[in-house]
């Protein structure tokens, strides 16, 4: 293989990887900058409560091997919410099942992050956990560096799309107007046949 052919091949692989990483980067941007911002605000608000601060201080005092099983609590909650969502889905409640699955998993994730931040110093004293933690952070840094152009483009697009309350109100009025144009003639036709 010639040098030029190797460069073309490497460039093609790089473009393929960029295309492959675009959707995970887009999901990451939406999750971190839209959904996670709300979760952080919620955690800050809840963190101001005395009961939550006391629980966080208690979790921080746990020894490393006692802190690990605490992670099972949100995991059990997550699986219980998934089971309940499956029951709701089996009974034909599609919307309720979807909400239960998303909210249950989301709440379990928020609680898991809160427990992790409370127990992080103790957990990092466990050698295998510290190695896994460092490897995950290195992998995340590499992924973020690789997807940085895509993330910047998605953030720029998101910044252009952000709407104020009045713009959202105007958009909904336009949608209602379009629906009225399509639905009202059908409703008039139905009224004639009553």
Protein backbone atom coordinates (compact mmCIF):
# COMPACT_ATOMS: atom_id res chain seq x y z
CA UNK A 1 0.00 0.00 0.00
CA UNK A 2 1.43 3.36 -0.99
CA UNK A 3 1.71 6.33 1.34
CA UNK A 4 -1.12 8.18 -0.42
CA UNK A 5 -3.39 5.14 -0.23
CA UNK A 6 -2.65 4.81 3.50
CA UNK A 7 -3.53 8.48 4.03
CA UNK A 8 -6.80 8.10 2.10
CA UNK A 9 -7.63 4.99 4.09
CA UNK A 10 -6.85 6.72 7.42
CA UNK A 11 -8.87 9.78 6.38
CA UNK A 12 -11.80 7.56 5.42
CA UNK A 13 -11.59 5.73 8.76
CA UNK A 14 -11.45 9.09 10.57
CA UNK A 15 -14.51 10.38 8.72
CA UNK A 16 -16.36 7.14 9.41
CA UNK A 17 -15.55 7.41 13.10
CA UNK A 18 -16.65 11.05 13.11
CA UNK A 19 -19.95 10.08 11.52
CA UNK A 20 -20.31 7.19 13.94
CA UNK A 21 -19.64 9.48 16.93
CA UNK A 22 -21.96 12.28 15.78
CA UNK A 23 -25.15 10.86 17.28
CA UNK A 24 -23.58 9.93 20.64
CA UNK A 25 -22.11 13.45 20.76
CA UNK A 26 -25.49 14.95 19.98
CA UNK A 27 -27.13 12.87 22.70
CA UNK A 28 -24.35 13.87 25.08
CA UNK A 29 -24.84 17.57 24.36
CA UNK A 30 -28.61 17.36 24.76
CA UNK A 31 -28.29 15.33 27.94
CA UNK A 32 -25.58 17.41 29.58
CA UNK A 33 -26.65 20.87 28.53
CA UNK A 34 -30.41 20.52 28.65
CA UNK A 35 -31.52 17.69 30.92
CA UNK A 36 -28.55 17.53 33.27
CA UNK A 37 -28.65 21.30 33.89
CA UNK A 38 -32.14 20.88 35.32
CA UNK A 39 -31.06 17.92 37.44
CA UNK A 40 -28.11 19.92 38.82
CA UNK A 41 -30.41 22.79 39.74
CA UNK A 42 -32.71 20.31 41.48
CA UNK A 43 -29.78 18.77 43.36
CA UNK A 44 -28.54 22.22 44.44
CA UNK A 45 -32.00 23.08 45.74
CA UNK A 46 -32.33 19.78 47.59
CA UNK A 47 -28.74 20.04 48.86
CA UNK A 48 -29.70 23.13 50.83
CA UNK A 49 -32.08 21.09 53.02
CA UNK A 50 -30.68 20.17 56.44
CA UNK A 51 -31.80 16.53 56.17
CA UNK A 52 -30.01 16.11 52.84
CA UNK A 53 -26.82 17.73 54.15
CA UNK A 54 -26.88 15.43 57.19
CA UNK A 55 -27.38 12.34 54.97
CA UNK A 56 -24.54 13.46 52.71
CA UNK A 57 -22.24 13.96 55.72
CA UNK A 58 -23.19 10.50 57.02
CA UNK A 59 -22.46 8.91 53.64
CA UNK A 60 -19.11 10.68 53.54
CA UNK A 61 -18.15 9.06 56.86
CA UNK A 62 -18.75 5.51 55.62
CA UNK A 63 -15.68 3.30 55.17
CA UNK A 64 -14.86 2.36 51.57
CA UNK A 65 -16.25 -1.18 51.62
CA UNK A 66 -19.45 -0.05 53.32
CA UNK A 67 -19.96 2.69 50.71
CA UNK A 68 -20.03 0.23 47.79
CA UNK A 69 -23.29 -1.54 48.76
CA UNK A 70 -25.05 1.83 49.12
CA UNK A 71 -25.02 2.01 45.31
CA UNK A 72 -27.48 -0.90 45.25
CA UNK A 73 -30.28 1.28 46.67
CA UNK A 74 -30.87 3.40 43.53
CA UNK A 75 -30.25 0.33 41.38
CA UNK A 76 -33.07 -1.54 43.13
CA UNK A 77 -35.32 1.51 42.72
CA UNK A 78 -34.46 1.67 39.01
CA UNK A 79 -35.32 -1.99 38.44
CA UNK A 80 -38.54 -1.66 40.44
CA UNK A 81 -39.62 1.29 38.30
CA UNK A 82 -38.81 -0.67 35.13
CA UNK A 83 -40.88 -3.60 36.41
CA UNK A 84 -43.80 -1.30 37.20
CA UNK A 85 -43.43 0.30 33.75
CA UNK A 86 -43.65 -3.18 32.19
CA UNK A 87 -46.82 -3.89 34.19
CA UNK A 88 -48.34 -0.60 33.03
CA UNK A 89 -47.36 -1.36 29.44
CA UNK A 90 -48.93 -4.81 29.66
CA UNK A 91 -52.16 -3.22 30.86
CA UNK A 92 -52.16 -0.87 27.87
CA UNK A 93 -51.07 2.34 29.61
CA UNK A 94 -48.39 3.36 27.12
CA UNK A 95 -47.90 6.96 28.28
CA UNK A 96 -47.83 6.06 31.98
CA UNK A 97 -45.37 3.23 31.28
CA UNK A 98 -43.07 5.54 29.34
CA UNK A 99 -43.19 8.19 32.04
CA UNK A 100 -42.55 5.63 34.78
CA UNK A 101 -39.55 4.20 32.93
CA UNK A 102 -38.01 7.59 32.15
CA UNK A 103 -38.72 9.22 35.51
CA UNK A 104 -37.74 6.12 37.51
CA UNK A 105 -34.46 5.74 35.66
CA UNK A 106 -33.80 9.49 35.82
CA UNK A 107 -34.48 9.70 39.55
CA UNK A 108 -32.32 6.64 40.21
CA UNK A 109 -29.50 8.22 38.20
CA UNK A 110 -29.76 11.51 40.12
CA UNK A 111 -29.68 9.64 43.45
CA UNK A 112 -26.76 7.52 42.23
CA UNK A 113 -24.77 10.65 41.31
CA UNK A 114 -25.59 12.20 44.67
CA UNK A 115 -24.40 9.07 46.51
CA UNK A 116 -21.26 8.95 44.37
CA UNK A 117 -20.34 12.56 45.18
CA UNK A 118 -20.95 11.95 48.88
CA UNK A 119 -18.85 8.75 48.94
CA UNK A 120 -16.18 9.65 46.36
CA UNK A 121 -13.25 10.15 48.79
CA UNK A 122 -13.92 6.79 50.45
CA UNK A 123 -14.45 5.00 47.14
CA UNK A 124 -11.20 6.30 45.67
CA UNK A 125 -9.33 4.61 48.52
CA UNK A 126 -10.36 1.23 47.07
CA UNK A 127 -7.55 0.41 44.61
CA UNK A 128 -9.60 -1.33 41.90
CA UNK A 129 -12.27 1.37 42.03
CA UNK A 130 -9.64 4.11 41.73
CA UNK A 131 -8.11 2.38 38.68
CA UNK A 132 -11.53 1.94 37.05
CA UNK A 133 -12.40 5.57 37.86
CA UNK A 134 -9.19 6.85 36.28
CA UNK A 135 -9.66 4.66 33.19
CA UNK A 136 -13.24 5.92 32.78
CA UNK A 137 -12.09 9.54 33.09
CA UNK A 138 -9.33 8.97 30.50
CA UNK A 139 -11.83 7.33 28.12
CA UNK A 140 -14.28 10.23 28.64
CA UNK A 141 -11.55 12.82 27.99
CA UNK A 142 -10.56 11.03 24.78
CA UNK A 143 -14.16 10.79 23.62
CA UNK A 144 -14.79 14.46 24.40
CA UNK A 145 -11.64 15.49 22.53
CA UNK A 146 -12.67 13.38 19.55
CA UNK A 147 -16.22 14.76 19.45
CA UNK A 148 -15.35 18.37 20.33
CA UNK A 149 -16.08 19.81 16.84
CA UNK A 150 -19.43 18.02 16.75
CA UNK A 151 -20.31 19.17 20.26
CA UNK A 152 -19.45 22.78 19.43
CA UNK A 153 -21.63 22.62 16.31
CA UNK A 154 -24.52 21.10 18.27
CA UNK A 155 -24.15 23.72 21.01
CA UNK A 156 -24.13 26.52 18.43
CA UNK A 157 -27.28 25.07 16.87
CA UNK A 158 -28.89 24.76 20.30
CA UNK A 159 -28.01 28.38 21.10
CA UNK A 160 -29.70 29.52 17.88
CA UNK A 161 -32.82 27.48 18.62
CA UNK A 162 -33.35 28.67 22.20
CA UNK A 163 -36.59 30.54 22.40
CA UNK A 164 -37.99 32.95 24.92
CA UNK A 165 -41.51 32.63 26.31
CA UNK A 166 -42.96 35.03 23.74
CA UNK A 167 -41.37 33.15 20.83
CA UNK A 168 -42.73 29.86 22.15
CA UNK A 169 -46.17 31.45 22.54
CA UNK A 170 -46.07 32.69 18.90
CA UNK A 171 -45.00 29.25 17.69
CA UNK A 172 -47.88 27.56 19.50
CA UNK A 173 -50.33 30.15 18.09
CA UNK A 174 -49.10 29.33 14.57
CA UNK A 175 -49.53 25.61 15.23
CA UNK A 176 -53.03 26.19 16.59
CA UNK A 177 -53.86 28.28 13.52
CA UNK A 178 -52.69 25.50 11.22
CA UNK A 179 -54.68 22.92 13.17
CA UNK A 180 -57.76 25.15 13.03
CA UNK A 181 -57.42 25.47 9.27
CA UNK A 182 -57.28 21.70 8.92
CA UNK A 183 -59.77 20.68 11.61
CA UNK A 184 -62.49 23.34 11.40
CA UNK A 185 -63.67 22.45 7.87
CA UNK A 186 -64.00 18.83 8.97
CA UNK A 187 -65.92 19.83 12.08
CA UNK A 188 -68.29 22.02 10.03
CA UNK A 189 -68.92 19.09 7.73
CA UNK A 190 -69.68 16.85 10.74
CA UNK A 191 -72.13 19.40 12.21
CA UNK A 192 -74.13 19.36 8.96
CA UNK A 193 -74.77 15.63 9.33
CA UNK A 194 -76.04 15.70 12.91
